[in-house]
Amino acid sequence: MTIVLKKGQKLEEVLPPNISAKGSKKLNAKKYVGMVKSAEDPLEIQRRIRNEWE
């Protein structure tokens, strides 16, 4: 979506009411640390996935 603002015009005046000009909430990634359990070495998983492109 492209929005053109004229000099002195506020973003809130241009946006539809269902879209806010404020940013969304940030993700707290620390609460997910250690949640994924795997029997395989994470480095080996990463190497295998990256080798699929070659």
N, C-alpha and C. Protein backbone atom coordinates (compact mmCIF):
# COMPACT_ATOMS: atom_id res chain seq x y z
N MET A 1 0.85 -1.16 0.00
CA MET A 1 0.00 0.00 0.00
C MET A 1 0.90 1.23 0.00
N THR A 2 0.58 2.19 -0.82
CA THR A 2 1.33 3.44 -0.90
C THR A 2 0.44 4.57 -0.42
N ILE A 3 0.97 5.39 0.46
CA ILE A 3 0.23 6.53 0.98
C ILE A 3 1.04 7.78 0.69
N VAL A 4 0.39 8.78 0.12
CA VAL A 4 1.04 10.05 -0.16
C VAL A 4 0.51 11.08 0.82
N LEU A 5 1.42 11.67 1.58
CA LEU A 5 1.04 12.69 2.54
C LEU A 5 1.40 14.05 1.98
N LYS A 6 0.48 14.98 2.13
CA LYS A 6 0.75 16.36 1.73
C LYS A 6 1.33 17.07 2.93
N LYS A 7 2.01 18.17 2.69
CA LYS A 7 2.67 18.92 3.76
C LYS A 7 1.65 19.31 4.83
N GLY A 8 1.95 18.96 6.06
CA GLY A 8 1.09 19.29 7.18
C GLY A 8 0.00 18.26 7.47
N GLN A 9 -0.14 17.26 6.62
CA GLN A 9 -1.17 16.24 6.80
C GLN A 9 -0.66 15.17 7.75
N LYS A 10 -1.53 14.70 8.64
CA LYS A 10 -1.15 13.68 9.61
C LYS A 10 -1.48 12.31 9.06
N LEU A 11 -0.66 11.32 9.43
CA LEU A 11 -0.85 9.96 8.97
C LEU A 11 -2.18 9.39 9.45
N GLU A 12 -2.58 9.75 10.66
CA GLU A 12 -3.84 9.25 11.22
C GLU A 12 -5.05 9.70 10.38
N GLU A 13 -4.94 10.84 9.72
CA GLU A 13 -6.04 11.35 8.89
C GLU A 13 -6.19 10.55 7.60
N VAL A 14 -5.11 9.97 7.12
CA VAL A 14 -5.10 9.28 5.84
C VAL A 14 -5.43 7.80 5.97
N LEU A 15 -4.97 7.16 7.04
CA LEU A 15 -5.16 5.73 7.21
C LEU A 15 -6.62 5.38 7.49
N PRO A 16 -7.08 4.27 6.96
CA PRO A 16 -8.42 3.79 7.32
C PRO A 16 -8.47 3.48 8.82
N PRO A 17 -9.65 3.49 9.43
CA PRO A 17 -9.74 3.29 10.88
C PRO A 17 -9.27 1.92 11.37
N ASN A 18 -9.30 0.90 10.52
CA ASN A 18 -8.88 -0.43 10.97
C ASN A 18 -7.37 -0.63 10.91
N ILE A 19 -6.61 0.33 10.40
CA ILE A 19 -5.14 0.25 10.35
C ILE A 19 -4.59 1.34 11.26
N SER A 20 -3.73 0.94 12.18
CA SER A 20 -3.17 1.92 13.10
C SER A 20 -1.80 2.37 12.61
N ALA A 21 -1.42 3.56 12.97
CA ALA A 21 -0.12 4.11 12.60
C ALA A 21 0.97 3.64 13.55
N LYS A 22 0.56 3.09 14.70
CA LYS A 22 1.53 2.63 15.68
C LYS A 22 2.05 1.26 15.28
N GLY A 23 3.25 0.93 15.74
CA GLY A 23 3.85 -0.38 15.47
C GLY A 23 3.14 -1.47 16.26
N SER A 24 3.31 -2.68 15.84
CA SER A 24 2.69 -3.79 16.54
C SER A 24 3.53 -4.16 17.76
N LYS A 25 2.98 -5.01 18.60
CA LYS A 25 3.70 -5.45 19.79
C LYS A 25 4.92 -6.26 19.37
N LYS A 26 5.97 -6.12 20.14
CA LYS A 26 7.20 -6.87 19.83
C LYS A 26 7.12 -8.26 20.43
N LEU A 27 7.76 -9.19 19.77
CA LEU A 27 7.80 -10.57 20.22
C LEU A 27 8.87 -10.73 21.29
N ASN A 28 8.50 -11.34 22.39
CA ASN A 28 9.46 -11.65 23.44
C ASN A 28 10.00 -13.05 23.17
N ALA A 29 11.10 -13.14 22.44
CA ALA A 29 11.65 -14.42 22.03
C ALA A 29 12.28 -15.19 23.20
N LYS A 30 12.63 -14.51 24.26
CA LYS A 30 13.28 -15.18 25.39
C LYS A 30 12.38 -16.21 26.05
N LYS A 31 11.06 -16.03 25.94
CA LYS A 31 10.18 -17.00 26.58
C LYS A 31 10.15 -18.34 25.84
N TYR A 32 10.68 -18.38 24.61
CA TYR A 32 10.70 -19.62 23.83
C TYR A 32 12.06 -20.31 23.84
N VAL A 33 13.03 -19.77 24.55
CA VAL A 33 14.37 -20.36 24.60
C VAL A 33 14.30 -21.74 25.23
N GLY A 34 14.85 -22.73 24.55
CA GLY A 34 14.90 -24.08 25.07
C GLY A 34 13.61 -24.86 24.92
N MET A 35 12.65 -24.37 24.18
CA MET A 35 11.36 -25.03 24.03
C MET A 35 11.41 -26.19 23.04
N VAL A 36 12.26 -26.09 22.04
CA VAL A 36 12.33 -27.14 21.01
C VAL A 36 13.34 -28.20 21.46
N LYS A 37 12.87 -29.40 21.58
CA LYS A 37 13.74 -30.51 21.98
C LYS A 37 14.01 -31.37 20.76
N SER A 38 15.27 -31.74 20.56
CA SER A 38 15.65 -32.54 19.42
C SER A 38 16.74 -33.52 19.82
N ALA A 39 16.67 -34.71 19.26
CA ALA A 39 17.68 -35.72 19.55
C ALA A 39 18.92 -35.50 18.69
N GLU A 40 18.76 -34.75 17.59
CA GLU A 40 19.86 -34.50 16.66
C GLU A 40 20.57 -33.21 17.02
N ASP A 41 21.85 -33.14 16.68
CA ASP A 41 22.65 -31.95 16.93
C ASP A 41 22.12 -30.78 16.08
N PRO A 42 21.86 -29.62 16.69
CA PRO A 42 21.32 -28.49 15.94
C PRO A 42 22.21 -28.04 14.78
N LEU A 43 23.52 -28.13 14.95
CA LEU A 43 24.44 -27.76 13.89
C LEU A 43 24.31 -28.69 12.69
N GLU A 44 24.13 -29.97 12.94
CA GLU A 44 23.93 -30.94 11.86
C GLU A 44 22.62 -30.69 11.11
N ILE A 45 21.57 -30.34 11.84
CA ILE A 45 20.29 -30.00 11.20
C ILE A 45 20.47 -28.81 10.28
N GLN A 46 21.18 -27.79 10.77
CA GLN A 46 21.41 -26.59 9.98
C GLN A 46 22.22 -26.90 8.72
N ARG A 47 23.27 -27.69 8.85
CA ARG A 47 24.08 -28.06 7.68
C ARG A 47 23.27 -28.84 6.66
N ARG A 48 22.42 -29.77 7.12
CA ARG A 48 21.60 -30.57 6.23
C ARG A 48 20.61 -29.69 5.46
N ILE A 49 20.00 -28.75 6.16
CA ILE A 49 19.03 -27.86 5.52
C ILE A 49 19.72 -26.96 4.49
N ARG A 50 20.88 -26.45 4.82
CA ARG A 50 21.60 -25.57 3.89
C ARG A 50 22.11 -26.33 2.67
N ASN A 51 22.42 -27.61 2.83
CA ASN A 51 22.92 -28.41 1.70
C ASN A 51 21.83 -28.77 0.71
N GLU A 52 20.56 -28.62 1.10
CA GLU A 52 19.46 -28.91 0.18
C GLU A 52 19.45 -27.95 -1.02
N TRP A 53 20.05 -26.78 -0.88
CA TRP A 53 20.05 -25.80 -1.96
C TRP A 53 21.11 -26.10 -3.02
N GLU A 54 22.07 -26.89 -2.67
CA GLU A 54 23.16 -27.17 -3.61
C GLU A 54 22.82 -28.30 -4.54
